[in-house]
Amino acid sequence: MQRQEHKLDATDISFGRLASKIAMLLRGKNKPDFTPYLDQGDAVIVENVAKMKISGNKLNGKIYYSSSQHPGGLKKTKLKDLIDKKGQAEVLRRAVYGMLPNNKLRQEMLKRLTIK
């Protein structure tokens, strides 16, 4: 199986639309012989992530949740705080992560994602 390499420019594209396109390429859904239980996707390189567009009130309104599974262990992080702490590449990576299937193939697909 031949894996292609796709280069995407994130300039002025909203991160949700970009993440859905990346997830489709990583999974291989653009190929005519797509099979859900096989990892047939391509490699994706994303450039200019700092110029990615965040529309609406997402900076203050979008909240990421994480839990320690203990009472009172729910942590909330706003999108703006996440960008300040880890950068826009982490926001895109998390969006793509959520769009990939929740199975053993997910980590192998994410290894082929390069964000510059």
N, C-alpha and C. Protein backbone atom coordinates (compact mmCIF):
# COMPACT_ATOMS: atom_id res chain seq x y z
N MET A 1 0.84 -1.18 0.00
CA MET A 1 0.00 0.00 0.00
C MET A 1 0.88 1.25 0.00
N GLN A 2 0.61 2.15 -0.90
CA GLN A 2 1.35 3.39 -1.00
C GLN A 2 0.64 4.49 -0.23
N ARG A 3 1.36 5.13 0.66
CA ARG A 3 0.81 6.27 1.40
C ARG A 3 1.28 7.55 0.73
N GLN A 4 0.35 8.43 0.46
CA GLN A 4 0.68 9.73 -0.11
C GLN A 4 0.94 10.72 1.01
N GLU A 5 1.50 11.85 0.64
CA GLU A 5 1.76 12.92 1.61
C GLU A 5 0.99 14.15 1.17
N HIS A 6 0.13 14.65 2.04
CA HIS A 6 -0.69 15.83 1.72
C HIS A 6 -0.18 17.01 2.54
N LYS A 7 0.02 18.15 1.87
CA LYS A 7 0.42 19.38 2.55
C LYS A 7 -0.77 20.32 2.53
N LEU A 8 -1.18 20.77 3.72
CA LEU A 8 -2.31 21.68 3.84
C LEU A 8 -1.85 23.00 4.44
N ASP A 9 -2.41 24.09 3.94
CA ASP A 9 -2.10 25.42 4.47
C ASP A 9 -3.29 25.86 5.31
N ALA A 10 -3.06 26.17 6.58
CA ALA A 10 -4.14 26.49 7.51
C ALA A 10 -4.49 27.97 7.53
N THR A 11 -3.94 28.77 6.65
CA THR A 11 -4.19 30.21 6.66
C THR A 11 -5.66 30.50 6.37
N ASP A 12 -6.30 31.23 7.28
CA ASP A 12 -7.69 31.69 7.16
C ASP A 12 -8.70 30.57 6.97
N ILE A 13 -8.45 29.40 7.55
CA ILE A 13 -9.41 28.29 7.54
C ILE A 13 -9.78 28.02 9.00
N SER A 14 -11.07 27.84 9.27
CA SER A 14 -11.48 27.59 10.65
C SER A 14 -10.99 26.20 11.07
N PHE A 15 -10.66 26.04 12.34
CA PHE A 15 -9.99 24.82 12.76
C PHE A 15 -10.89 23.60 12.72
N GLY A 16 -12.20 23.76 12.80
CA GLY A 16 -13.10 22.62 12.70
C GLY A 16 -13.15 22.05 11.29
N ARG A 17 -13.23 22.93 10.31
CA ARG A 17 -13.24 22.49 8.91
C ARG A 17 -11.91 21.85 8.52
N LEU A 18 -10.83 22.44 9.00
CA LEU A 18 -9.51 21.89 8.72
C LEU A 18 -9.34 20.53 9.39
N ALA A 19 -9.80 20.41 10.63
CA ALA A 19 -9.67 19.14 11.37
C ALA A 19 -10.46 18.03 10.70
N SER A 20 -11.64 18.33 10.17
CA SER A 20 -12.44 17.29 9.51
C SER A 20 -11.77 16.82 8.23
N LYS A 21 -11.13 17.74 7.50
CA LYS A 21 -10.42 17.35 6.29
C LYS A 21 -9.20 16.49 6.63
N ILE A 22 -8.47 16.87 7.68
CA ILE A 22 -7.30 16.11 8.11
C ILE A 22 -7.71 14.71 8.56
N ALA A 23 -8.79 14.61 9.33
CA ALA A 23 -9.25 13.31 9.82
C ALA A 23 -9.65 12.41 8.66
N MET A 24 -10.28 12.97 7.64
CA MET A 24 -10.66 12.19 6.47
C MET A 24 -9.42 11.64 5.75
N LEU A 25 -8.39 12.47 5.60
CA LEU A 25 -7.17 12.03 4.92
C LEU A 25 -6.40 11.01 5.75
N LEU A 26 -6.32 11.22 7.07
CA LEU A 26 -5.61 10.27 7.94
C LEU A 26 -6.30 8.91 7.96
N ARG A 27 -7.60 8.92 7.88
CA ARG A 27 -8.36 7.68 7.94
C ARG A 27 -8.40 6.96 6.60
N GLY A 28 -8.26 7.70 5.49
CA GLY A 28 -8.28 7.10 4.17
C GLY A 28 -9.65 7.05 3.55
N LYS A 29 -10.58 7.88 4.03
CA LYS A 29 -11.95 7.86 3.51
C LYS A 29 -12.05 8.46 2.11
N ASN A 30 -10.99 9.09 1.64
CA ASN A 30 -11.00 9.67 0.30
C ASN A 30 -10.63 8.65 -0.77
N LYS A 31 -10.28 7.45 -0.38
CA LYS A 31 -9.84 6.42 -1.33
C LYS A 31 -11.02 5.51 -1.71
N PRO A 32 -11.03 5.02 -2.94
CA PRO A 32 -12.15 4.19 -3.38
C PRO A 32 -12.21 2.83 -2.69
N ASP A 33 -11.09 2.35 -2.17
CA ASP A 33 -11.08 1.04 -1.51
C ASP A 33 -11.05 1.17 0.01
N PHE A 34 -11.73 2.19 0.54
CA PHE A 34 -11.78 2.41 2.00
C PHE A 34 -12.41 1.23 2.72
N THR A 35 -11.75 0.79 3.77
CA THR A 35 -12.26 -0.27 4.64
C THR A 35 -12.16 0.24 6.07
N PRO A 36 -13.27 0.23 6.83
CA PRO A 36 -13.27 0.85 8.16
C PRO A 36 -12.29 0.23 9.16
N TYR A 37 -12.00 -1.04 9.04
CA TYR A 37 -11.17 -1.71 10.04
C TYR A 37 -9.70 -1.77 9.66
N LEU A 38 -9.31 -1.13 8.55
CA LEU A 38 -7.92 -1.07 8.13
C LEU A 38 -7.41 0.36 8.16
N ASP A 39 -6.13 0.52 8.44
CA ASP A 39 -5.50 1.83 8.44
C ASP A 39 -4.88 2.07 7.07
N GLN A 40 -5.63 2.72 6.18
CA GLN A 40 -5.16 2.95 4.82
C GLN A 40 -4.93 4.42 4.53
N GLY A 41 -4.86 5.25 5.55
CA GLY A 41 -4.77 6.69 5.36
C GLY A 41 -3.40 7.16 4.94
N ASP A 42 -3.34 8.44 4.61
CA ASP A 42 -2.12 9.08 4.13
C ASP A 42 -1.51 9.93 5.23
N ALA A 43 -0.31 10.44 4.96
CA ALA A 43 0.37 11.36 5.88
C ALA A 43 -0.09 12.78 5.57
N VAL A 44 -0.22 13.60 6.60
CA VAL A 44 -0.69 14.98 6.44
C VAL A 44 0.29 15.92 7.14
N ILE A 45 0.69 16.96 6.42
CA ILE A 45 1.54 18.01 6.98
C ILE A 45 0.75 19.31 6.92
N VAL A 46 0.61 19.96 8.07
CA VAL A 46 -0.17 21.20 8.15
C VAL A 46 0.79 22.35 8.44
N GLU A 47 0.71 23.39 7.63
CA GLU A 47 1.59 24.55 7.79
C GLU A 47 0.77 25.78 8.15
N ASN A 48 1.41 26.78 8.71
CA ASN A 48 0.81 28.07 9.08
C ASN A 48 -0.35 27.91 10.06
N VAL A 49 -0.17 27.11 11.08
CA VAL A 49 -1.23 26.88 12.06
C VAL A 49 -1.50 28.14 12.87
N ALA A 50 -0.51 28.98 13.03
CA ALA A 50 -0.70 30.20 13.80
C ALA A 50 -1.65 31.17 13.11
N LYS A 51 -1.86 31.02 11.80
CA LYS A 51 -2.75 31.90 11.05
C LYS A 51 -4.14 31.29 10.89
N MET A 52 -4.41 30.22 11.61
CA MET A 52 -5.70 29.55 11.54
C MET A 52 -6.79 30.46 12.12
N LYS A 53 -7.97 30.42 11.52
CA LYS A 53 -9.05 31.32 11.93
C LYS A 53 -9.90 30.66 13.01
N ILE A 54 -10.18 31.40 14.06
CA ILE A 54 -11.09 30.95 15.11
C ILE A 54 -12.26 31.91 15.10
N SER A 55 -13.42 31.41 14.69
CA SER A 55 -14.57 32.27 14.46
C SER A 55 -15.47 32.36 15.68
N GLY A 56 -16.31 33.38 15.67
CA GLY A 56 -17.31 33.53 16.72
C GLY A 56 -16.72 33.82 18.09
N ASN A 57 -17.40 33.32 19.11
CA ASN A 57 -17.00 33.55 20.49
C ASN A 57 -16.30 32.32 21.07
N LYS A 58 -15.60 31.58 20.22
CA LYS A 58 -14.99 30.34 20.68
C LYS A 58 -13.86 30.55 21.68
N LEU A 59 -13.13 31.66 21.56
CA LEU A 59 -12.01 31.88 22.47
C LEU A 59 -12.44 31.87 23.93
N ASN A 60 -13.59 32.45 24.22
CA ASN A 60 -14.06 32.48 25.61
C ASN A 60 -15.15 31.47 25.88
N GLY A 61 -15.83 31.01 24.83
CA GLY A 61 -16.97 30.13 25.03
C GLY A 61 -16.67 28.65 24.99
N LYS A 62 -15.66 28.24 24.22
CA LYS A 62 -15.35 26.81 24.10
C LYS A 62 -14.53 26.38 25.30
N ILE A 63 -14.98 25.32 25.94
CA ILE A 63 -14.34 24.83 27.16
C ILE A 63 -13.97 23.36 26.98
N TYR A 64 -12.74 23.03 27.34
CA TYR A 64 -12.26 21.65 27.34
C TYR A 64 -12.35 21.12 28.76
N TYR A 65 -12.91 19.92 28.91
CA TYR A 65 -13.09 19.32 30.22
C TYR A 65 -12.15 18.13 30.38
N SER A 66 -11.63 17.96 31.58
CA SER A 66 -10.88 16.76 31.93
C SER A 66 -11.22 16.41 33.37
N SER A 67 -11.22 15.13 33.65
CA SER A 67 -11.64 14.69 34.98
C SER A 67 -10.64 13.71 35.55
N SER A 68 -10.47 13.76 36.87
CA SER A 68 -9.61 12.80 37.55
C SER A 68 -10.41 11.61 38.08
N GLN A 69 -11.73 11.60 37.79
CA GLN A 69 -12.65 10.53 38.23
C GLN A 69 -12.82 10.48 39.74
N HIS A 70 -12.46 11.55 40.42
CA HIS A 70 -12.69 11.68 41.86
C HIS A 70 -13.70 12.80 42.08
N PRO A 71 -14.42 12.78 43.19
CA PRO A 71 -15.37 13.86 43.45
C PRO A 71 -14.67 15.23 43.45
N GLY A 72 -15.22 16.16 42.70
CA GLY A 72 -14.63 17.49 42.61
C GLY A 72 -13.41 17.55 41.70
N GLY A 73 -13.15 16.52 40.93
CA GLY A 73 -11.95 16.46 40.11
C GLY A 73 -12.14 16.94 38.68
N LEU A 74 -13.22 17.66 38.39
CA LEU A 74 -13.46 18.16 37.05
C LEU A 74 -12.66 19.44 36.83
N LYS A 75 -11.87 19.47 35.74
CA LYS A 75 -11.08 20.64 35.41
C LYS A 75 -11.60 21.23 34.11
N LYS A 76 -11.68 22.55 34.05
CA LYS A 76 -12.17 23.25 32.87
C LYS A 76 -11.06 24.16 32.35
N THR A 77 -10.87 24.14 31.03
CA THR A 77 -9.88 24.99 30.39
C THR A 77 -10.52 25.68 29.20
N LYS A 78 -10.45 27.00 29.15
CA LYS A 78 -10.98 27.74 28.02
C LYS A 78 -10.02 27.63 26.85
N LEU A 79 -10.57 27.79 25.65
CA LEU A 79 -9.77 27.71 24.44
C LEU A 79 -8.65 28.74 24.46
N LYS A 80 -8.94 29.93 24.92
CA LYS A 80 -7.94 30.99 24.97
C LYS A 80 -6.76 30.61 25.87
N ASP A 81 -7.06 30.00 27.03
CA ASP A 81 -6.00 29.58 27.95
C ASP A 81 -5.17 28.45 27.35
N LEU A 82 -5.82 27.54 26.63
CA LEU A 82 -5.10 26.44 26.00
C LEU A 82 -4.15 26.95 24.91
N ILE A 83 -4.61 27.94 24.13
CA ILE A 83 -3.76 28.52 23.10
C ILE A 83 -2.57 29.24 23.73
N ASP A 84 -2.81 29.97 24.82
CA ASP A 84 -1.72 30.68 25.49
C ASP A 84 -0.70 29.71 26.07
N LYS A 85 -1.17 28.58 26.56
CA LYS A 85 -0.28 27.62 27.23
C LYS A 85 0.43 26.70 26.25
N LYS A 86 -0.32 26.14 25.27
CA LYS A 86 0.27 25.11 24.41
C LYS A 86 0.29 25.46 22.93
N GLY A 87 -0.38 26.54 22.53
CA GLY A 87 -0.35 26.96 21.13
C GLY A 87 -1.53 26.41 20.32
N GLN A 88 -1.68 26.94 19.12
CA GLN A 88 -2.81 26.55 18.28
C GLN A 88 -2.63 25.15 17.70
N ALA A 89 -1.42 24.65 17.66
CA ALA A 89 -1.19 23.29 17.17
C ALA A 89 -1.89 22.27 18.07
N GLU A 90 -1.89 22.51 19.36
CA GLU A 90 -2.55 21.59 20.30
C GLU A 90 -4.06 21.61 20.10
N VAL A 91 -4.63 22.77 19.80
CA VAL A 91 -6.06 22.88 19.55
C VAL A 91 -6.44 22.05 18.33
N LEU A 92 -5.65 22.16 17.27
CA LEU A 92 -5.92 21.39 16.05
C LEU A 92 -5.74 19.90 16.31
N ARG A 93 -4.70 19.53 17.04
CA ARG A 93 -4.46 18.12 17.34
C ARG A 93 -5.61 17.51 18.12
N ARG A 94 -6.13 18.24 19.09
CA ARG A 94 -7.26 17.74 19.88
C ARG A 94 -8.52 17.61 19.04
N ALA A 95 -8.73 18.54 18.12
CA ALA A 95 -9.91 18.46 17.26
C ALA A 95 -9.83 17.25 16.34
N VAL A 96 -8.66 16.98 15.78
CA VAL A 96 -8.47 15.81 14.92
C VAL A 96 -8.61 14.53 15.74
N TYR A 97 -8.05 14.52 16.93
CA TYR A 97 -8.12 13.36 17.83
C TYR A 97 -9.58 12.96 18.10
N GLY A 98 -10.43 13.96 18.30
CA GLY A 98 -11.82 13.68 18.58
C GLY A 98 -12.60 13.18 17.37
N MET A 99 -12.07 13.42 16.16
CA MET A 99 -12.76 13.00 14.95
C MET A 99 -12.32 11.64 14.44
N LEU A 100 -11.26 11.09 15.02
CA LEU A 100 -10.80 9.76 14.60
C LEU A 100 -11.50 8.69 15.43
N PRO A 101 -11.57 7.46 14.91
CA PRO A 101 -12.28 6.39 15.63
C PRO A 101 -11.59 6.05 16.95
N ASN A 102 -12.39 5.68 17.92
CA ASN A 102 -11.87 5.36 19.25
C ASN A 102 -11.52 3.87 19.30
N ASN A 103 -10.38 3.53 18.67
CA ASN A 103 -9.91 2.15 18.69
C ASN A 103 -8.39 2.15 18.59
N LYS A 104 -7.81 0.98 18.35
CA LYS A 104 -6.35 0.85 18.34
C LYS A 104 -5.69 1.57 17.17
N LEU A 105 -6.46 1.89 16.15
CA LEU A 105 -5.88 2.54 14.98
C LEU A 105 -5.66 4.04 15.17
N ARG A 106 -6.29 4.63 16.17
CA ARG A 106 -6.25 6.09 16.35
C ARG A 106 -4.83 6.60 16.53
N GLN A 107 -4.04 5.98 17.39
CA GLN A 107 -2.68 6.46 17.64
C GLN A 107 -1.79 6.31 16.41
N GLU A 108 -1.98 5.24 15.65
CA GLU A 108 -1.20 5.05 14.43
C GLU A 108 -1.54 6.13 13.40
N MET A 109 -2.80 6.52 13.35
CA MET A 109 -3.19 7.58 12.42
C MET A 109 -2.61 8.92 12.86
N LEU A 110 -2.63 9.20 14.15
CA LEU A 110 -2.11 10.48 14.65
C LEU A 110 -0.60 10.60 14.47
N LYS A 111 0.11 9.49 14.40
CA LYS A 111 1.56 9.55 14.19
C LYS A 111 1.91 10.12 12.81
N ARG A 112 0.97 10.01 11.87
CA ARG A 112 1.21 10.51 10.53
C ARG A 112 0.80 11.97 10.36
N LEU A 113 0.38 12.62 11.44
CA LEU A 113 0.01 14.04 11.40
C LEU A 113 1.19 14.88 11.88
N THR A 114 1.64 15.80 11.03
CA THR A 114 2.72 16.71 11.39
C THR A 114 2.18 18.13 11.33
N ILE A 115 2.30 18.85 12.44
CA ILE A 115 1.79 20.22 12.51
C ILE A 115 2.99 21.15 12.69
N LYS A 116 3.13 22.10 11.74
CA LYS A 116 4.25 23.04 11.80
C LYS A 116 3.78 24.42 12.16
